[in-house]
Amino acid sequence: MREEELLGYQFRQIHLLFKHHMNTLLKNIDLTASQCLVLEVLFRRTDTKTSQKDICEELQLKHTTVIGLLKRMEGKGLVLISPDQENRKCTLVTLLPEAYVIQDKMQKHRFDLDTYTKRNMSSEDILELHRLLTQVEKNLKESK
């Protein structure tokens, strides 16, 4: 079997293409696809404290990767990184007003890429794709 025929190879190629397109779209608001994912986690969790560890776990990223992302985002005025007053070992991440300023643009770029990705597909195709990808994800989670 040729490498191109393996699903893992195709998933990797799709991931790389998707990330490239997303980075291109987000460049005009000075964000990367990875920073966008971190912001999405924080936007979903505005009603609870969010730690660096929470972000690591939700995005399945290494601690050092998340620290680097957050430091760059803090430099852009998007987040505040501070120790938890109740547990000094825990580092909290809080959205700053600038993050809310770019939220709509960021989400529009994500929607545009999603729409572009699904072009030339029928509603039935899209439902079937979701069903199959959900099954692939389930299979991989069960194989851990």
N, C-alpha and C. Protein backbone atom coordinates (compact mmCIF):
# COMPACT_ATOMS: atom_id res chain seq x y z
N MET A 1 0.84 -1.18 0.00
CA MET A 1 0.00 0.00 0.00
C MET A 1 0.90 1.25 0.00
N ARG A 2 0.60 2.16 -0.91
CA ARG A 2 1.36 3.41 -0.98
C ARG A 2 0.98 4.32 0.18
N GLU A 3 1.91 5.17 0.59
CA GLU A 3 1.68 6.06 1.73
C GLU A 3 0.46 6.95 1.51
N GLU A 4 0.25 7.42 0.26
CA GLU A 4 -0.88 8.30 -0.03
C GLU A 4 -2.22 7.62 0.20
N GLU A 5 -2.23 6.27 0.20
CA GLU A 5 -3.47 5.54 0.37
C GLU A 5 -3.83 5.33 1.84
N LEU A 6 -2.90 5.60 2.73
CA LEU A 6 -3.16 5.44 4.15
C LEU A 6 -3.98 6.63 4.67
N LEU A 7 -4.98 6.34 5.49
CA LEU A 7 -5.83 7.42 6.02
C LEU A 7 -5.03 8.41 6.84
N GLY A 8 -4.10 7.94 7.64
CA GLY A 8 -3.30 8.83 8.47
C GLY A 8 -2.57 9.87 7.64
N TYR A 9 -2.05 9.46 6.48
CA TYR A 9 -1.36 10.39 5.59
C TYR A 9 -2.34 11.45 5.09
N GLN A 10 -3.52 11.02 4.69
CA GLN A 10 -4.51 11.97 4.18
C GLN A 10 -4.99 12.93 5.28
N PHE A 11 -5.20 12.41 6.49
CA PHE A 11 -5.59 13.28 7.61
C PHE A 11 -4.50 14.31 7.88
N ARG A 12 -3.24 13.90 7.82
CA ARG A 12 -2.13 14.83 8.06
C ARG A 12 -2.10 15.91 6.97
N GLN A 13 -2.27 15.51 5.72
CA GLN A 13 -2.26 16.49 4.63
C GLN A 13 -3.41 17.49 4.78
N ILE A 14 -4.58 16.99 5.13
CA ILE A 14 -5.74 17.86 5.33
C ILE A 14 -5.47 18.82 6.49
N HIS A 15 -4.92 18.29 7.58
CA HIS A 15 -4.60 19.14 8.74
C HIS A 15 -3.63 20.25 8.35
N LEU A 16 -2.58 19.90 7.61
CA LEU A 16 -1.59 20.91 7.21
C LEU A 16 -2.21 21.97 6.30
N LEU A 17 -3.05 21.54 5.35
CA LEU A 17 -3.71 22.49 4.45
C LEU A 17 -4.67 23.39 5.22
N PHE A 18 -5.45 22.80 6.11
CA PHE A 18 -6.41 23.57 6.90
C PHE A 18 -5.67 24.60 7.75
N LYS A 19 -4.60 24.18 8.42
CA LYS A 19 -3.84 25.08 9.27
C LYS A 19 -3.21 26.21 8.44
N HIS A 20 -2.70 25.88 7.26
CA HIS A 20 -2.10 26.90 6.39
C HIS A 20 -3.15 27.95 5.98
N HIS A 21 -4.32 27.47 5.55
CA HIS A 21 -5.38 28.40 5.15
C HIS A 21 -5.84 29.25 6.34
N MET A 22 -5.97 28.63 7.50
CA MET A 22 -6.41 29.37 8.68
C MET A 22 -5.38 30.43 9.07
N ASN A 23 -4.11 30.06 9.05
CA ASN A 23 -3.06 31.03 9.38
C ASN A 23 -3.06 32.20 8.39
N THR A 24 -3.32 31.92 7.12
CA THR A 24 -3.38 32.96 6.10
C THR A 24 -4.54 33.92 6.38
N LEU A 25 -5.70 33.36 6.71
CA LEU A 25 -6.87 34.20 7.01
C LEU A 25 -6.67 35.04 8.27
N LEU A 26 -6.04 34.44 9.28
CA LEU A 26 -5.90 35.11 10.57
C LEU A 26 -4.76 36.13 10.61
N LYS A 27 -3.92 36.10 9.59
CA LYS A 27 -2.77 37.00 9.58
C LYS A 27 -3.18 38.47 9.70
N ASN A 28 -4.32 38.83 9.10
CA ASN A 28 -4.73 40.24 9.13
C ASN A 28 -5.20 40.71 10.51
N ILE A 29 -5.42 39.78 11.45
CA ILE A 29 -5.72 40.18 12.83
C ILE A 29 -4.59 39.73 13.77
N ASP A 30 -3.44 39.42 13.17
CA ASP A 30 -2.23 39.10 13.93
C ASP A 30 -2.43 37.92 14.88
N LEU A 31 -3.07 36.86 14.37
CA LEU A 31 -3.27 35.62 15.14
C LEU A 31 -2.78 34.44 14.34
N THR A 32 -2.48 33.35 15.04
CA THR A 32 -2.20 32.09 14.38
C THR A 32 -3.36 31.13 14.66
N ALA A 33 -3.42 30.05 13.91
CA ALA A 33 -4.47 29.05 14.12
C ALA A 33 -4.41 28.50 15.54
N SER A 34 -3.22 28.28 16.06
CA SER A 34 -3.06 27.76 17.42
C SER A 34 -3.56 28.76 18.46
N GLN A 35 -3.25 30.03 18.27
CA GLN A 35 -3.75 31.06 19.19
C GLN A 35 -5.27 31.16 19.13
N CYS A 36 -5.81 30.98 17.94
CA CYS A 36 -7.26 31.00 17.75
C CYS A 36 -7.91 29.88 18.56
N LEU A 37 -7.31 28.70 18.55
CA LEU A 37 -7.85 27.58 19.33
C LEU A 37 -7.83 27.88 20.82
N VAL A 38 -6.75 28.48 21.30
CA VAL A 38 -6.67 28.85 22.71
C VAL A 38 -7.78 29.85 23.06
N LEU A 39 -7.96 30.85 22.20
CA LEU A 39 -9.02 31.83 22.45
C LEU A 39 -10.39 31.18 22.45
N GLU A 40 -10.63 30.24 21.57
CA GLU A 40 -11.93 29.55 21.54
C GLU A 40 -12.19 28.83 22.86
N VAL A 41 -11.15 28.19 23.41
CA VAL A 41 -11.30 27.53 24.72
C VAL A 41 -11.68 28.57 25.77
N LEU A 42 -10.98 29.69 25.77
CA LEU A 42 -11.25 30.72 26.77
C LEU A 42 -12.63 31.36 26.59
N PHE A 43 -13.06 31.57 25.34
CA PHE A 43 -14.39 32.14 25.10
C PHE A 43 -15.49 31.19 25.60
N ARG A 44 -15.28 29.89 25.47
CA ARG A 44 -16.27 28.91 25.94
C ARG A 44 -16.31 28.83 27.46
N ARG A 45 -15.24 29.25 28.12
CA ARG A 45 -15.13 29.08 29.56
C ARG A 45 -15.15 30.41 30.32
N THR A 46 -15.81 31.41 29.79
CA THR A 46 -15.80 32.74 30.43
C THR A 46 -16.44 32.73 31.81
N ASP A 47 -17.27 31.74 32.11
CA ASP A 47 -17.94 31.70 33.40
C ASP A 47 -17.17 30.93 34.47
N THR A 48 -16.00 30.38 34.12
CA THR A 48 -15.20 29.63 35.09
C THR A 48 -13.73 30.05 34.99
N LYS A 49 -13.00 29.78 36.05
CA LYS A 49 -11.56 30.01 36.01
C LYS A 49 -10.94 29.02 35.03
N THR A 50 -9.98 29.50 34.25
CA THR A 50 -9.30 28.61 33.30
C THR A 50 -7.80 28.66 33.58
N SER A 51 -7.22 27.50 33.78
CA SER A 51 -5.79 27.42 34.05
C SER A 51 -5.05 27.00 32.78
N GLN A 52 -3.74 27.18 32.83
CA GLN A 52 -2.91 26.70 31.71
C GLN A 52 -3.13 25.20 31.53
N LYS A 53 -3.23 24.48 32.63
CA LYS A 53 -3.44 23.03 32.57
C LYS A 53 -4.75 22.69 31.86
N ASP A 54 -5.82 23.46 32.13
CA ASP A 54 -7.11 23.24 31.46
C ASP A 54 -6.94 23.34 29.94
N ILE A 55 -6.19 24.35 29.51
CA ILE A 55 -5.97 24.56 28.07
C ILE A 55 -5.16 23.41 27.49
N CYS A 56 -4.12 23.00 28.20
CA CYS A 56 -3.29 21.87 27.76
C CYS A 56 -4.16 20.62 27.55
N GLU A 57 -5.00 20.34 28.53
CA GLU A 57 -5.83 19.14 28.47
C GLU A 57 -6.87 19.22 27.37
N GLU A 58 -7.53 20.36 27.24
CA GLU A 58 -8.58 20.48 26.23
C GLU A 58 -8.03 20.42 24.81
N LEU A 59 -6.87 21.03 24.59
CA LEU A 59 -6.30 21.05 23.25
C LEU A 59 -5.29 19.92 23.01
N GLN A 60 -5.04 19.14 24.05
CA GLN A 60 -4.08 18.04 23.98
C GLN A 60 -2.71 18.53 23.49
N LEU A 61 -2.25 19.61 24.13
CA LEU A 61 -0.95 20.19 23.81
C LEU A 61 -0.04 20.09 25.03
N LYS A 62 1.26 20.08 24.77
CA LYS A 62 2.24 20.04 25.85
C LYS A 62 2.24 21.37 26.59
N HIS A 63 2.60 21.28 27.87
CA HIS A 63 2.65 22.46 28.74
C HIS A 63 3.55 23.55 28.14
N THR A 64 4.71 23.15 27.64
CA THR A 64 5.65 24.14 27.08
C THR A 64 5.07 24.83 25.84
N THR A 65 4.32 24.10 25.05
CA THR A 65 3.69 24.67 23.85
C THR A 65 2.67 25.73 24.26
N VAL A 66 1.84 25.40 25.24
CA VAL A 66 0.80 26.32 25.69
C VAL A 66 1.42 27.56 26.34
N ILE A 67 2.48 27.37 27.12
CA ILE A 67 3.16 28.52 27.74
C ILE A 67 3.64 29.49 26.66
N GLY A 68 4.26 28.96 25.60
CA GLY A 68 4.74 29.81 24.51
C GLY A 68 3.61 30.56 23.82
N LEU A 69 2.51 29.87 23.55
CA LEU A 69 1.35 30.50 22.92
C LEU A 69 0.81 31.62 23.81
N LEU A 70 0.65 31.32 25.09
CA LEU A 70 0.08 32.30 26.01
C LEU A 70 0.98 33.52 26.19
N LYS A 71 2.28 33.31 26.23
CA LYS A 71 3.21 34.44 26.37
C LYS A 71 3.09 35.38 25.16
N ARG A 72 2.99 34.81 23.96
CA ARG A 72 2.82 35.64 22.77
C ARG A 72 1.47 36.36 22.79
N MET A 73 0.44 35.66 23.25
CA MET A 73 -0.89 36.26 23.32
C MET A 73 -0.95 37.35 24.39
N GLU A 74 -0.22 37.15 25.47
CA GLU A 74 -0.15 38.17 26.52
C GLU A 74 0.56 39.41 25.97
N GLY A 75 1.60 39.20 25.17
CA GLY A 75 2.31 40.31 24.55
C GLY A 75 1.44 41.11 23.59
N LYS A 76 0.43 40.46 23.02
CA LYS A 76 -0.51 41.14 22.11
C LYS A 76 -1.68 41.77 22.86
N GLY A 77 -1.70 41.60 24.18
CA GLY A 77 -2.77 42.19 24.98
C GLY A 77 -4.08 41.42 24.92
N LEU A 78 -4.02 40.13 24.59
CA LEU A 78 -5.23 39.32 24.47
C LEU A 78 -5.61 38.61 25.76
N VAL A 79 -4.59 38.22 26.55
CA VAL A 79 -4.83 37.48 27.78
C VAL A 79 -3.94 38.01 28.90
N LEU A 80 -4.36 37.70 30.11
CA LEU A 80 -3.58 37.99 31.29
C LEU A 80 -3.24 36.65 31.93
N ILE A 81 -1.97 36.44 32.22
CA ILE A 81 -1.52 35.22 32.89
C ILE A 81 -1.15 35.60 34.31
N SER A 82 -1.79 34.94 35.29
CA SER A 82 -1.55 35.30 36.69
C SER A 82 -1.68 34.07 37.59
N PRO A 83 -0.99 34.09 38.73
CA PRO A 83 -1.15 32.97 39.66
C PRO A 83 -2.53 32.99 40.31
N ASP A 84 -3.06 31.82 40.56
CA ASP A 84 -4.35 31.69 41.25
C ASP A 84 -4.13 32.07 42.72
N GLN A 85 -4.91 32.98 43.24
CA GLN A 85 -4.76 33.43 44.63
C GLN A 85 -5.08 32.32 45.63
N GLU A 86 -5.92 31.36 45.22
CA GLU A 86 -6.30 30.26 46.10
C GLU A 86 -5.32 29.10 46.04
N ASN A 87 -4.61 28.96 44.91
CA ASN A 87 -3.66 27.86 44.71
C ASN A 87 -2.49 28.41 43.92
N ARG A 88 -1.45 28.83 44.59
CA ARG A 88 -0.32 29.51 43.95
C ARG A 88 0.39 28.62 42.92
N LYS A 89 0.19 27.31 42.97
CA LYS A 89 0.81 26.41 41.99
C LYS A 89 0.10 26.49 40.64
N CYS A 90 -1.10 27.00 40.64
CA CYS A 90 -1.95 27.06 39.45
C CYS A 90 -1.82 28.43 38.79
N THR A 91 -1.67 28.42 37.46
CA THR A 91 -1.60 29.67 36.70
C THR A 91 -2.90 29.85 35.92
N LEU A 92 -3.56 30.97 36.16
CA LEU A 92 -4.84 31.26 35.50
C LEU A 92 -4.63 32.10 34.25
N VAL A 93 -5.53 31.92 33.31
CA VAL A 93 -5.50 32.68 32.06
C VAL A 93 -6.85 33.38 31.93
N THR A 94 -6.81 34.70 31.76
CA THR A 94 -8.02 35.51 31.68
C THR A 94 -8.02 36.29 30.37
N LEU A 95 -9.16 36.32 29.72
CA LEU A 95 -9.30 37.13 28.50
C LEU A 95 -9.28 38.61 28.84
N LEU A 96 -8.62 39.40 28.00
CA LEU A 96 -8.61 40.85 28.13
C LEU A 96 -9.54 41.46 27.08
N PRO A 97 -9.94 42.70 27.22
CA PRO A 97 -10.88 43.33 26.28
C PRO A 97 -10.46 43.22 24.81
N GLU A 98 -9.18 43.28 24.52
CA GLU A 98 -8.71 43.19 23.13
C GLU A 98 -9.13 41.87 22.48
N ALA A 99 -9.20 40.79 23.26
CA ALA A 99 -9.63 39.50 22.71
C ALA A 99 -11.07 39.57 22.21
N TYR A 100 -11.91 40.28 22.95
CA TYR A 100 -13.31 40.42 22.54
C TYR A 100 -13.45 41.30 21.30
N VAL A 101 -12.51 42.24 21.13
CA VAL A 101 -12.52 43.12 19.96
C VAL A 101 -12.33 42.30 18.68
N ILE A 102 -11.45 41.28 18.73
CA ILE A 102 -11.17 40.49 17.52
C ILE A 102 -12.01 39.22 17.42
N GLN A 103 -12.83 38.94 18.42
CA GLN A 103 -13.61 37.70 18.45
C GLN A 103 -14.48 37.52 17.20
N ASP A 104 -15.22 38.54 16.81
CA ASP A 104 -16.11 38.41 15.64
C ASP A 104 -15.31 38.15 14.36
N LYS A 105 -14.21 38.87 14.18
CA LYS A 105 -13.37 38.66 12.99
C LYS A 105 -12.80 37.25 12.97
N MET A 106 -12.33 36.80 14.12
CA MET A 106 -11.76 35.46 14.23
C MET A 106 -12.81 34.40 13.88
N GLN A 107 -14.00 34.54 14.43
CA GLN A 107 -15.05 33.57 14.16
C GLN A 107 -15.52 33.63 12.70
N LYS A 108 -15.51 34.82 12.11
CA LYS A 108 -15.87 34.93 10.70
C LYS A 108 -14.86 34.19 9.83
N HIS A 109 -13.58 34.32 10.15
CA HIS A 109 -12.54 33.60 9.39
C HIS A 109 -12.73 32.09 9.52
N ARG A 110 -13.05 31.63 10.73
CA ARG A 110 -13.27 30.19 10.94
C ARG A 110 -14.49 29.73 10.13
N PHE A 111 -15.57 30.52 10.13
CA PHE A 111 -16.77 30.19 9.38
C PHE A 111 -16.47 30.18 7.87
N ASP A 112 -15.73 31.19 7.40
CA ASP A 112 -15.40 31.26 5.98
C ASP A 112 -14.60 30.04 5.53
N LEU A 113 -13.64 29.62 6.34
CA LEU A 113 -12.84 28.45 5.97
C LEU A 113 -13.68 27.19 6.01
N ASP A 114 -14.57 27.10 6.97
CA ASP A 114 -15.46 25.94 7.05
C ASP A 114 -16.35 25.87 5.82
N THR A 115 -16.89 27.02 5.42
CA THR A 115 -17.74 27.09 4.22
C THR A 115 -16.94 26.71 2.98
N TYR A 116 -15.74 27.24 2.88
CA TYR A 116 -14.87 26.94 1.73
C TYR A 116 -14.52 25.45 1.69
N THR A 117 -14.28 24.88 2.85
CA THR A 117 -13.93 23.46 2.93
C THR A 117 -15.07 22.57 2.44
N LYS A 118 -16.30 22.99 2.69
CA LYS A 118 -17.47 22.16 2.35
C LYS A 118 -18.06 22.47 0.98
N ARG A 119 -17.43 23.39 0.24
CA ARG A 119 -18.00 23.73 -1.07
C ARG A 119 -18.00 22.47 -1.95
N ASN A 120 -18.90 22.42 -2.89
CA ASN A 120 -19.08 21.28 -3.80
C ASN A 120 -19.52 20.00 -3.09
N MET A 121 -20.04 20.13 -1.87
CA MET A 121 -20.59 18.98 -1.14
C MET A 121 -22.06 19.23 -0.90
N SER A 122 -22.84 18.18 -1.03
CA SER A 122 -24.27 18.29 -0.73
C SER A 122 -24.46 18.23 0.79
N SER A 123 -25.64 18.57 1.23
CA SER A 123 -25.96 18.46 2.67
C SER A 123 -25.79 17.03 3.14
N GLU A 124 -26.17 16.08 2.30
CA GLU A 124 -26.03 14.66 2.65
C GLU A 124 -24.55 14.29 2.76
N ASP A 125 -23.73 14.80 1.84
CA ASP A 125 -22.29 14.53 1.89
C ASP A 125 -21.69 15.04 3.21
N ILE A 126 -22.10 16.24 3.60
CA ILE A 126 -21.57 16.86 4.81
C ILE A 126 -21.99 16.05 6.04
N LEU A 127 -23.25 15.62 6.08
CA LEU A 127 -23.70 14.78 7.20
C LEU A 127 -22.94 13.47 7.25
N GLU A 128 -22.72 12.86 6.10
CA GLU A 128 -21.98 11.59 6.03
C GLU A 128 -20.52 11.79 6.45
N LEU A 129 -19.93 12.90 6.03
CA LEU A 129 -18.55 13.20 6.43
C LEU A 129 -18.47 13.35 7.95
N HIS A 130 -19.39 14.08 8.55
CA HIS A 130 -19.42 14.22 10.01
C HIS A 130 -19.57 12.86 10.69
N ARG A 131 -20.46 12.04 10.16
CA ARG A 131 -20.68 10.72 10.74
C ARG A 131 -19.40 9.89 10.68
N LEU A 132 -18.74 9.89 9.54
CA LEU A 132 -17.52 9.09 9.38
C LEU A 132 -16.37 9.62 10.25
N LEU A 133 -16.22 10.93 10.29
CA LEU A 133 -15.15 11.50 11.11
C LEU A 133 -15.41 11.24 12.60
N THR A 134 -16.66 11.31 13.01
CA THR A 134 -17.00 10.99 14.40
C THR A 134 -16.65 9.55 14.71
N GLN A 135 -16.90 8.66 13.78
CA GLN A 135 -16.58 7.25 13.99
C GLN A 135 -15.06 7.04 14.04
N VAL A 136 -14.32 7.72 13.19
CA VAL A 136 -12.85 7.62 13.21
C VAL A 136 -12.34 8.10 14.57
N GLU A 137 -12.86 9.24 15.03
CA GLU A 137 -12.43 9.78 16.33
C GLU A 137 -12.74 8.79 17.45
N LYS A 138 -13.93 8.21 17.43
CA LYS A 138 -14.33 7.22 18.44
C LYS A 138 -13.41 6.01 18.40
N ASN A 139 -13.11 5.52 17.21
CA ASN A 139 -12.22 4.38 17.06
C ASN A 139 -10.84 4.65 17.67
N LEU A 140 -10.33 5.83 17.39
CA LEU A 140 -8.99 6.18 17.88
C LEU A 140 -8.99 6.35 19.40
N LYS A 141 -10.06 6.94 19.94
CA LYS A 141 -10.14 7.10 21.40
C LYS A 141 -10.22 5.74 22.11
N GLU A 142 -10.94 4.81 21.50
CA GLU A 142 -11.10 3.49 22.09
C GLU A 142 -9.82 2.67 22.02
N SER A 143 -8.92 3.02 21.12
CA SER A 143 -7.69 2.22 20.94
C SER A 143 -6.56 2.63 21.89
N LYS A 144 -6.82 3.65 22.73
CA LYS A 144 -5.78 4.13 23.65
C LYS A 144 -5.38 3.09 24.64
